[in-house]
Amino acid sequence: MRICFLKPFGTPAYNQLIHDVLTPSLQSGTEVEVRNLDIVPENMDYFAAKHLVEVGIMKAAIRAERDGFDAFVIGCCYDPGLTQCRELVDIPVVGPLEASIMNARPFGHRYAVVTGHHKAATEIADRVRIYGQEQNCLAVSHVGWFIDDMIKSPAAVAQDAYGTSLRIMREAGAETIVIACTIVSACYEITAAKDESLRGISVIDPNIMAVKQAEMLASLNAVGQYRIARTGYYQQVAQHSTEQAAEIHALLTDE
């Protein structure tokens, strides 16, 4: 099984961190390739930048399917371009936030979310609502870090993630925490593996949850059981107009 894990940032600075977090959790025989975009802006801390980056994500999804990957993970908890990519390709496409909050119940009755910064918190809260999870999500908070600063101080990010998680669990009554930033979560996992003082609470890592869901959906697809509906939300453009589908394909593949 081959999974493409796309870091939708215009830099490879975070790739090794993500690879190190994912590797211990993979099934035997699963190969994950961590890719990044070659795009400006480098990150999606602001909504205008996110909109521009989503075009690159769609191109990367088409490329991953062509390259023979069995599933495609969009490695950002905004889940940018998730619906668009599911419309475009036939391999399973996974968003880390969706995978995490939809599978939170086995970890605890209700959860809270901790993300990177105040801008991210508003976007994540919107996505929680879109996914129909408002009743189960007790709070959305943040650690106050923007992504281009995180890689400089992973241990400090981990400490803030742990402290914020403890506070939100106490204040909101949440039983488990979704660390809804792939980089914050990776910093936490790498640091907590060496520092026992950061363990002891129920935390859901969206990187790992996304890849485990990708493994499951790819396995289902391999035996003909990934039956994505093409009648409504994920209906493909070609079902409406082959001419329009060809135009979109040309724009996203430079053909």
C-alpha atoms as a PDB file:
ATOM      1  CA  MET A   1       0.000   0.000   0.000  1.00  0.00           C
ATOM      2  CA  ARG A   2       1.344   3.421  -0.989  1.00  0.00           C
ATOM      3  CA  ILE A   3       0.026   6.612   0.600  1.00  0.00           C
ATOM      4  CA  CYS A   4       0.913  10.125  -0.489  1.00  0.00           C
ATOM      5  CA  PHE A   5       0.971  12.493   2.488  1.00  0.00           C
ATOM      6  CA  LEU A   6       1.021  16.029   1.121  1.00  0.00           C
ATOM      7  CA  LYS A   7       2.279  18.862   3.283  1.00  0.00           C
ATOM      8  CA  PRO A   8       0.493  21.701   1.480  1.00  0.00           C
ATOM      9  CA  PHE A   9       3.294  24.156   2.195  1.00  0.00           C
ATOM     10  CA  GLY A  10       5.802  25.568  -0.273  1.00  0.00           C
ATOM     11  CA  THR A  11       8.756  24.227   1.700  1.00  0.00           C
ATOM     12  CA  PRO A  12      10.134  20.795   2.660  1.00  0.00           C
ATOM     13  CA  ALA A  13      11.033  22.093   6.137  1.00  0.00           C
ATOM     14  CA  TYR A  14       8.342  20.010   7.866  1.00  0.00           C
ATOM     15  CA  ASN A  15       8.610  16.790   5.838  1.00  0.00           C
ATOM     16  CA  GLN A  16      11.087  14.901   8.029  1.00  0.00           C
ATOM     17  CA  LEU A  17       9.174  15.804  11.187  1.00  0.00           C
ATOM     18  CA  ILE A  18       5.983  14.329   9.740  1.00  0.00           C
ATOM     19  CA  HIS A  19       7.789  11.252   8.434  1.00  0.00           C
ATOM     20  CA  ASP A  20       9.267  10.565  11.864  1.00  0.00           C
ATOM     21  CA  VAL A  21       5.833  10.828  13.516  1.00  0.00           C
ATOM     22  CA  LEU A  22       4.070   8.575  11.026  1.00  0.00           C
ATOM     23  CA  THR A  23       6.578   5.764  10.592  1.00  0.00           C
ATOM     24  CA  PRO A  24       6.041   3.921  13.922  1.00  0.00           C
ATOM     25  CA  SER A  25       2.277   3.690  13.337  1.00  0.00           C
ATOM     26  CA  LEU A  26       2.260   2.230   9.833  1.00  0.00           C
ATOM     27  CA  GLN A  27       0.981  -1.245   9.073  1.00  0.00           C
ATOM     28  CA  SER A  28       3.493  -3.724   7.742  1.00  0.00           C
ATOM     29  CA  GLY A  29       3.722  -3.151   4.012  1.00  0.00           C
ATOM     30  CA  THR A  30       2.481   0.446   4.066  1.00  0.00           C
ATOM     31  CA  GLU A  31       4.730   3.020   2.442  1.00  0.00           C
ATOM     32  CA  VAL A  32       4.146   6.731   3.043  1.00  0.00           C
ATOM     33  CA  GLU A  33       5.778   9.351   0.875  1.00  0.00           C
ATOM     34  CA  VAL A  34       5.708  12.850   2.352  1.00  0.00           C
ATOM     35  CA  ARG A  35       5.540  15.505  -0.330  1.00  0.00           C
ATOM     36  CA  ASN A  36       5.253  19.277  -0.259  1.00  0.00           C
ATOM     37  CA  LEU A  37       4.121  21.882  -2.730  1.00  0.00           C
ATOM     38  CA  ASP A  38       6.427  24.139  -4.714  1.00  0.00           C
ATOM     39  CA  ILE A  39       4.267  27.191  -4.353  1.00  0.00           C
ATOM     40  CA  VAL A  40       4.032  30.724  -3.016  1.00  0.00           C
ATOM     41  CA  PRO A  41       2.765  31.502  -0.409  1.00  0.00           C
ATOM     42  CA  GLU A  42       4.573  28.911   1.713  1.00  0.00           C
ATOM     43  CA  ASN A  43       1.804  28.447   4.285  1.00  0.00           C
ATOM     44  CA  MET A  44      -1.898  28.953   4.913  1.00  0.00           C
ATOM     45  CA  ASP A  45      -2.065  30.982   8.097  1.00  0.00           C
ATOM     46  CA  TYR A  46      -4.430  33.385   6.320  1.00  0.00           C
ATOM     47  CA  PHE A  47      -7.549  32.669   4.287  1.00  0.00           C
ATOM     48  CA  ALA A  48      -6.406  34.343   1.063  1.00  0.00           C
ATOM     49  CA  ALA A  49      -3.235  32.248   1.108  1.00  0.00           C
ATOM     50  CA  LYS A  50      -5.265  29.100   1.786  1.00  0.00           C
ATOM     51  CA  HIS A  51      -7.422  29.767  -1.270  1.00  0.00           C
ATOM     52  CA  LEU A  52      -4.339  30.088  -3.494  1.00  0.00           C
ATOM     53  CA  VAL A  53      -2.735  26.941  -2.080  1.00  0.00           C
ATOM     54  CA  GLU A  54      -5.845  24.827  -2.728  1.00  0.00           C
ATOM     55  CA  VAL A  55      -5.145  24.918  -6.474  1.00  0.00           C
ATOM     56  CA  GLY A  56      -1.752  23.353  -5.802  1.00  0.00           C
ATOM     57  CA  ILE A  57      -3.407  20.697  -3.636  1.00  0.00           C
ATOM     58  CA  MET A  58      -5.799  19.728  -6.431  1.00  0.00           C
ATOM     59  CA  LYS A  59      -2.872  19.407  -8.845  1.00  0.00           C
ATOM     60  CA  ALA A  60      -1.004  17.279  -6.304  1.00  0.00           C
ATOM     61  CA  ALA A  61      -3.980  14.936  -5.856  1.00  0.00           C
ATOM     62  CA  ILE A  62      -4.206  14.295  -9.593  1.00  0.00           C
ATOM     63  CA  ARG A  63      -0.438  13.728  -9.700  1.00  0.00           C
ATOM     64  CA  ALA A  64      -0.591  11.282  -6.778  1.00  0.00           C
ATOM     65  CA  GLU A  65      -3.290   9.218  -8.482  1.00  0.00           C
ATOM     66  CA  ARG A  66      -1.253   9.161 -11.694  1.00  0.00           C
ATOM     67  CA  ASP A  67       1.829   8.103  -9.728  1.00  0.00           C
ATOM     68  CA  GLY A  68      -0.005   5.024  -8.501  1.00  0.00           C
ATOM     69  CA  PHE A  69      -0.654   5.934  -4.882  1.00  0.00           C
ATOM     70  CA  ASP A  70      -3.500   4.090  -3.158  1.00  0.00           C
ATOM     71  CA  ALA A  71      -4.639   7.077  -1.074  1.00  0.00           C
ATOM     72  CA  PHE A  72      -3.955  10.792  -0.729  1.00  0.00           C
ATOM     73  CA  VAL A  73      -3.731  12.663   2.587  1.00  0.00           C
ATOM     74  CA  ILE A  74      -3.953  16.458   2.731  1.00  0.00           C
ATOM     75  CA  GLY A  75      -1.615  17.165   5.637  1.00  0.00           C
ATOM     76  CA  CYS A  76      -3.265  20.240   7.157  1.00  0.00           C
ATOM     77  CA  CYS A  77      -6.158  20.419   9.616  1.00  0.00           C
ATOM     78  CA  TYR A  78      -7.958  23.071   7.617  1.00  0.00           C
ATOM     79  CA  ASP A  79      -8.646  20.072   5.335  1.00  0.00           C
ATOM     80  CA  PRO A  80      -7.997  22.423   2.394  1.00  0.00           C
ATOM     81  CA  GLY A  81      -9.303  21.235  -0.957  1.00  0.00           C
ATOM     82  CA  LEU A  82     -10.745  18.054   0.556  1.00  0.00           C
ATOM     83  CA  THR A  83     -14.089  18.120  -1.250  1.00  0.00           C
ATOM     84  CA  GLN A  84     -12.519  19.299  -4.493  1.00  0.00           C
ATOM     85  CA  CYS A  85      -9.961  16.484  -4.471  1.00  0.00           C
ATOM     86  CA  ARG A  86     -12.597  13.854  -3.729  1.00  0.00           C
ATOM     87  CA  GLU A  87     -14.481  15.165  -6.742  1.00  0.00           C
ATOM     88  CA  LEU A  88     -11.380  15.031  -8.945  1.00  0.00           C
ATOM     89  CA  VAL A  89      -9.811  11.633  -8.186  1.00  0.00           C
ATOM     90  CA  ASP A  90     -11.000   8.105  -7.521  1.00  0.00           C
ATOM     91  CA  ILE A  91      -8.448   7.098  -4.893  1.00  0.00           C
ATOM     92  CA  PRO A  92      -9.488   7.846  -1.278  1.00  0.00           C
ATOM     93  CA  VAL A  93      -8.677  11.394  -0.117  1.00  0.00           C
ATOM     94  CA  VAL A  94      -8.381  12.073   3.628  1.00  0.00           C
ATOM     95  CA  GLY A  95      -8.418  15.292   5.649  1.00  0.00           C
ATOM     96  CA  PRO A  96      -6.770  15.111   9.108  1.00  0.00           C
ATOM     97  CA  LEU A  97      -9.429  17.125  10.941  1.00  0.00           C
ATOM     98  CA  GLU A  98     -12.332  15.154   9.500  1.00  0.00           C
ATOM     99  CA  ALA A  99     -10.572  11.851  10.235  1.00  0.00           C
ATOM    100  CA  SER A 100      -9.822  12.901  13.821  1.00  0.00           C
ATOM    101  CA  ILE A 101     -13.143  14.329  14.951  1.00  0.00           C
ATOM    102  CA  MET A 102     -15.179  11.629  13.242  1.00  0.00           C
ATOM    103  CA  ASN A 103     -13.172   9.009  15.157  1.00  0.00           C
ATOM    104  CA  ALA A 104     -12.882  10.830  18.492  1.00  0.00           C
ATOM    105  CA  ARG A 105     -15.589   8.919  20.350  1.00  0.00           C
ATOM    106  CA  PRO A 106     -13.511   5.759  21.017  1.00  0.00           C
ATOM    107  CA  PHE A 107     -10.999   8.011  22.808  1.00  0.00           C
ATOM    108  CA  GLY A 108     -13.494   9.889  24.987  1.00  0.00           C
ATOM    109  CA  HIS A 109     -17.171  10.804  25.254  1.00  0.00           C
ATOM    110  CA  ARG A 110     -16.684  14.394  24.083  1.00  0.00           C
ATOM    111  CA  TYR A 111     -13.651  16.305  22.950  1.00  0.00           C
ATOM    112  CA  ALA A 112     -12.079  19.735  22.616  1.00  0.00           C
ATOM    113  CA  VAL A 113      -9.799  21.038  19.899  1.00  0.00           C
ATOM    114  CA  VAL A 114      -6.443  22.772  20.297  1.00  0.00           C
ATOM    115  CA  THR A 115      -4.948  24.368  17.185  1.00  0.00           C
ATOM    116  CA  GLY A 116      -2.147  26.747  16.256  1.00  0.00           C
ATOM    117  CA  HIS A 117      -3.328  30.348  16.547  1.00  0.00           C
ATOM    118  CA  HIS A 118      -6.383  32.607  16.726  1.00  0.00           C
ATOM    119  CA  LYS A 119      -6.927  32.694  12.945  1.00  0.00           C
ATOM    120  CA  ALA A 120      -6.793  28.924  12.785  1.00  0.00           C
ATOM    121  CA  ALA A 121      -9.252  28.569  15.670  1.00  0.00           C
ATOM    122  CA  THR A 122     -12.001  30.355  13.722  1.00  0.00           C
ATOM    123  CA  GLU A 123     -11.453  28.215  10.644  1.00  0.00           C
ATOM    124  CA  ILE A 124     -11.347  24.980  12.649  1.00  0.00           C
ATOM    125  CA  ALA A 125     -14.547  25.937  14.504  1.00  0.00           C
ATOM    126  CA  ASP A 126     -16.256  26.474  11.143  1.00  0.00           C
ATOM    127  CA  ARG A 127     -15.115  23.077   9.906  1.00  0.00           C
ATOM    128  CA  VAL A 128     -16.343  21.371  13.076  1.00  0.00           C
ATOM    129  CA  ARG A 129     -19.754  22.880  12.411  1.00  0.00           C
ATOM    130  CA  ILE A 130     -19.713  21.858   8.734  1.00  0.00           C
ATOM    131  CA  TYR A 131     -18.881  18.291   9.784  1.00  0.00           C
ATOM    132  CA  GLY A 132     -21.907  18.290  12.110  1.00  0.00           C
ATOM    133  CA  GLN A 133     -19.818  17.913  15.278  1.00  0.00           C
ATOM    134  CA  GLU A 134     -20.840  20.974  17.309  1.00  0.00           C
ATOM    135  CA  GLN A 135     -22.629  18.880  19.932  1.00  0.00           C
ATOM    136  CA  ASN A 136     -19.572  16.720  20.573  1.00  0.00           C
ATOM    137  CA  CYS A 137     -16.913  19.441  20.425  1.00  0.00           C
ATOM    138  CA  LEU A 138     -16.887  21.344  23.719  1.00  0.00           C
ATOM    139  CA  ALA A 139     -14.327  24.024  22.836  1.00  0.00           C
ATOM    140  CA  VAL A 140     -11.822  25.212  20.244  1.00  0.00           C
ATOM    141  CA  SER A 141      -8.669  26.905  21.542  1.00  0.00           C
ATOM    142  CA  HIS A 142      -5.126  27.594  20.334  1.00  0.00           C
ATOM    143  CA  VAL A 143      -1.510  27.647  21.484  1.00  0.00           C
ATOM    144  CA  GLY A 144      -0.630  31.000  19.918  1.00  0.00           C
ATOM    145  CA  TRP A 145       1.975  29.758  17.428  1.00  0.00           C
ATOM    146  CA  PHE A 146       2.086  30.473  13.698  1.00  0.00           C
ATOM    147  CA  ILE A 147       3.455  27.693  11.559  1.00  0.00           C
ATOM    148  CA  ASP A 148       6.661  29.336  10.368  1.00  0.00           C
ATOM    149  CA  ASP A 149       7.777  29.717  13.996  1.00  0.00           C
ATOM    150  CA  MET A 150       6.909  26.177  15.116  1.00  0.00           C
ATOM    151  CA  ILE A 151       9.776  24.390  13.386  1.00  0.00           C
ATOM    152  CA  LYS A 152      12.264  26.610  15.241  1.00  0.00           C
ATOM    153  CA  SER A 153      11.109  25.474  18.710  1.00  0.00           C
ATOM    154  CA  PRO A 154       9.321  22.080  18.631  1.00  0.00           C
ATOM    155  CA  ALA A 155       9.823  21.483  22.358  1.00  0.00           C
ATOM    156  CA  ALA A 156       8.308  24.856  23.275  1.00  0.00           C
ATOM    157  CA  VAL A 157       5.359  24.171  20.971  1.00  0.00           C
ATOM    158  CA  ALA A 158       4.872  20.791  22.661  1.00  0.00           C
ATOM    159  CA  GLN A 159       4.903  22.340  26.135  1.00  0.00           C
ATOM    160  CA  ASP A 160       2.309  24.923  25.097  1.00  0.00           C
ATOM    161  CA  ALA A 161       0.148  22.249  23.441  1.00  0.00           C
ATOM    162  CA  TYR A 162       0.211  20.173  26.610  1.00  0.00           C
ATOM    163  CA  GLY A 163      -0.519  23.115  28.890  1.00  0.00           C
ATOM    164  CA  THR A 164      -3.340  24.391  26.702  1.00  0.00           C
ATOM    165  CA  SER A 165      -4.828  20.905  26.452  1.00  0.00           C
ATOM    166  CA  LEU A 166      -4.846  20.504  30.235  1.00  0.00           C
ATOM    167  CA  ARG A 167      -6.509  23.892  30.679  1.00  0.00           C
ATOM    168  CA  ILE A 168      -9.209  23.283  28.079  1.00  0.00           C
ATOM    169  CA  MET A 169      -9.972  19.810  29.410  1.00  0.00           C
ATOM    170  CA  ARG A 170     -10.418  21.280  32.877  1.00  0.00           C
ATOM    171  CA  GLU A 171     -12.466  24.306  31.781  1.00  0.00           C
ATOM    172  CA  ALA A 172     -14.678  22.602  29.185  1.00  0.00           C
ATOM    173  CA  GLY A 173     -14.933  19.139  30.715  1.00  0.00           C
ATOM    174  CA  ALA A 174     -13.547  17.441  27.634  1.00  0.00           C
ATOM    175  CA  GLU A 175     -12.216  13.911  27.985  1.00  0.00           C
ATOM    176  CA  THR A 176      -9.898  13.966  24.967  1.00  0.00           C
ATOM    177  CA  ILE A 177      -8.132  16.568  22.856  1.00  0.00           C
ATOM    178  CA  VAL A 178      -7.751  16.767  19.094  1.00  0.00           C
ATOM    179  CA  ILE A 179      -4.535  18.694  18.430  1.00  0.00           C
ATOM    180  CA  ALA A 180      -5.859  20.170  15.201  1.00  0.00           C
ATOM    181  CA  CYS A 181      -2.656  21.321  13.587  1.00  0.00           C
ATOM    182  CA  THR A 182      -0.453  18.734  11.938  1.00  0.00           C
ATOM    183  CA  ILE A 183       2.724  20.577  12.931  1.00  0.00           C
ATOM    184  CA  VAL A 184       1.684  21.342  16.530  1.00  0.00           C
ATOM    185  CA  SER A 185       0.697  17.703  16.906  1.00  0.00           C
ATOM    186  CA  ALA A 186       3.940  16.457  15.374  1.00  0.00           C
ATOM    187  CA  CYS A 187       5.953  18.677  17.724  1.00  0.00           C
ATOM    188  CA  TYR A 188       3.966  17.285  20.641  1.00  0.00           C
ATOM    189  CA  GLU A 189       4.389  13.641  19.607  1.00  0.00           C
ATOM    190  CA  ILE A 190       8.127  13.908  19.008  1.00  0.00           C
ATOM    191  CA  THR A 191       8.715  15.713  22.310  1.00  0.00           C
ATOM    192  CA  ALA A 192       6.342  13.569  24.388  1.00  0.00           C
ATOM    193  CA  ALA A 193       8.108  10.428  23.177  1.00  0.00           C
ATOM    194  CA  LYS A 194      11.178  11.630  25.098  1.00  0.00           C
ATOM    195  CA  ASP A 195       9.494  13.522  27.955  1.00  0.00           C
ATOM    196  CA  GLU A 196       7.158  11.481  30.158  1.00  0.00           C
ATOM    197  CA  SER A 197       5.866  14.631  31.855  1.00  0.00           C
ATOM    198  CA  LEU A 198       3.906  15.455  28.689  1.00  0.00           C
ATOM    199  CA  ARG A 199       2.029  12.157  28.675  1.00  0.00           C
ATOM    200  CA  GLY A 200      -0.951  11.071  30.696  1.00  0.00           C
ATOM    201  CA  ILE A 201      -3.789  12.800  28.855  1.00  0.00           C
ATOM    202  CA  SER A 202      -5.910  11.538  25.986  1.00  0.00           C
ATOM    203  CA  VAL A 203      -4.661  13.199  22.807  1.00  0.00           C
ATOM    204  CA  ILE A 204      -5.614  12.493  19.194  1.00  0.00           C
ATOM    205  CA  ASP A 205      -2.881  13.072  16.606  1.00  0.00           C
ATOM    206  CA  PRO A 206      -4.419  14.102  13.245  1.00  0.00           C
ATOM    207  CA  ASN A 207      -1.366  12.983  11.283  1.00  0.00           C
ATOM    208  CA  ILE A 208      -1.689   9.428  12.522  1.00  0.00           C
ATOM    209  CA  MET A 209      -5.485   9.379  12.365  1.00  0.00           C
ATOM    210  CA  ALA A 210      -5.399  10.565   8.748  1.00  0.00           C
ATOM    211  CA  VAL A 211      -2.919   7.904   7.688  1.00  0.00           C
ATOM    212  CA  LYS A 212      -4.776   5.131   9.532  1.00  0.00           C
ATOM    213  CA  GLN A 213      -7.996   6.166   7.802  1.00  0.00           C
ATOM    214  CA  ALA A 214      -6.124   6.256   4.489  1.00  0.00           C
ATOM    215  CA  GLU A 215      -4.893   2.714   5.111  1.00  0.00           C
ATOM    216  CA  MET A 216      -8.431   1.540   5.858  1.00  0.00           C
ATOM    217  CA  LEU A 217     -10.003   3.218   2.828  1.00  0.00           C
ATOM    218  CA  ALA A 218      -7.222   2.035   0.529  1.00  0.00           C
ATOM    219  CA  SER A 219      -7.764  -1.521   1.776  1.00  0.00           C
ATOM    220  CA  LEU A 220     -11.475  -1.198   1.121  1.00  0.00           C
ATOM    221  CA  ASN A 221     -10.797   0.211  -2.325  1.00  0.00           C
ATOM    222  CA  ALA A 222      -8.523  -2.715  -3.141  1.00  0.00           C
ATOM    223  CA  VAL A 223     -11.420  -5.141  -2.665  1.00  0.00           C
ATOM    224  CA  GLY A 224     -14.055  -2.965  -4.326  1.00  0.00           C
ATOM    225  CA  GLN A 225     -15.636  -1.729  -1.093  1.00  0.00           C
ATOM    226  CA  TYR A 226     -14.780   1.978  -1.283  1.00  0.00           C
ATOM    227  CA  ARG A 227     -17.994   3.052  -2.943  1.00  0.00           C
ATOM    228  CA  ILE A 228     -17.900   6.835  -2.961  1.00  0.00           C
ATOM    229  CA  ALA A 229     -21.212   8.329  -4.056  1.00  0.00           C
ATOM    230  CA  ARG A 230     -21.051  10.156  -7.379  1.00  0.00           C
ATOM    231  CA  THR A 231     -24.698  11.186  -7.414  1.00  0.00           C
ATOM    232  CA  GLY A 232     -24.554  14.423  -5.425  1.00  0.00           C
ATOM    233  CA  TYR A 233     -21.879  16.072  -3.286  1.00  0.00           C
ATOM    234  CA  TYR A 234     -18.967  14.235  -4.936  1.00  0.00           C
ATOM    235  CA  GLN A 235     -20.458  14.073  -8.422  1.00  0.00           C
ATOM    236  CA  GLN A 236     -17.715  14.597 -10.996  1.00  0.00           C
ATOM    237  CA  VAL A 237     -17.762  17.355 -13.589  1.00  0.00           C
ATOM    238  CA  ALA A 238     -17.629  14.847 -16.453  1.00  0.00           C
ATOM    239  CA  GLN A 239     -21.057  13.554 -15.427  1.00  0.00           C
ATOM    240  CA  HIS A 240     -22.404  17.014 -16.242  1.00  0.00           C
ATOM    241  CA  SER A 241     -20.139  18.108 -19.091  1.00  0.00           C
ATOM    242  CA  THR A 242     -17.195  16.283 -20.620  1.00  0.00           C
ATOM    243  CA  GLU A 243     -16.097  19.556 -22.229  1.00  0.00           C
ATOM    244  CA  GLN A 244     -15.961  21.386 -18.888  1.00  0.00           C
ATOM    245  CA  ALA A 245     -14.188  18.415 -17.309  1.00  0.00           C
ATOM    246  CA  ALA A 246     -11.531  18.545 -20.025  1.00  0.00           C
ATOM    247  CA  GLU A 247     -11.042  22.290 -19.451  1.00  0.00           C
ATOM    248  CA  ILE A 248     -10.561  21.798 -15.694  1.00  0.00           C
ATOM    249  CA  HIS A 249      -8.248  18.862 -16.275  1.00  0.00           C
ATOM    250  CA  ALA A 250      -6.101  20.968 -18.611  1.00  0.00           C
ATOM    251  CA  LEU A 251      -5.827  23.762 -16.038  1.00  0.00           C
ATOM    252  CA  LEU A 252      -4.804  21.362 -13.258  1.00  0.00           C
ATOM    253  CA  THR A 253      -2.343  19.268 -15.267  1.00  0.00           C
ATOM    254  CA  ASP A 254      -0.855  21.882 -17.617  1.00  0.00           C
ATOM    255  CA  GLU A 255      -1.892  19.713 -20.555  1.00  0.00           C
END
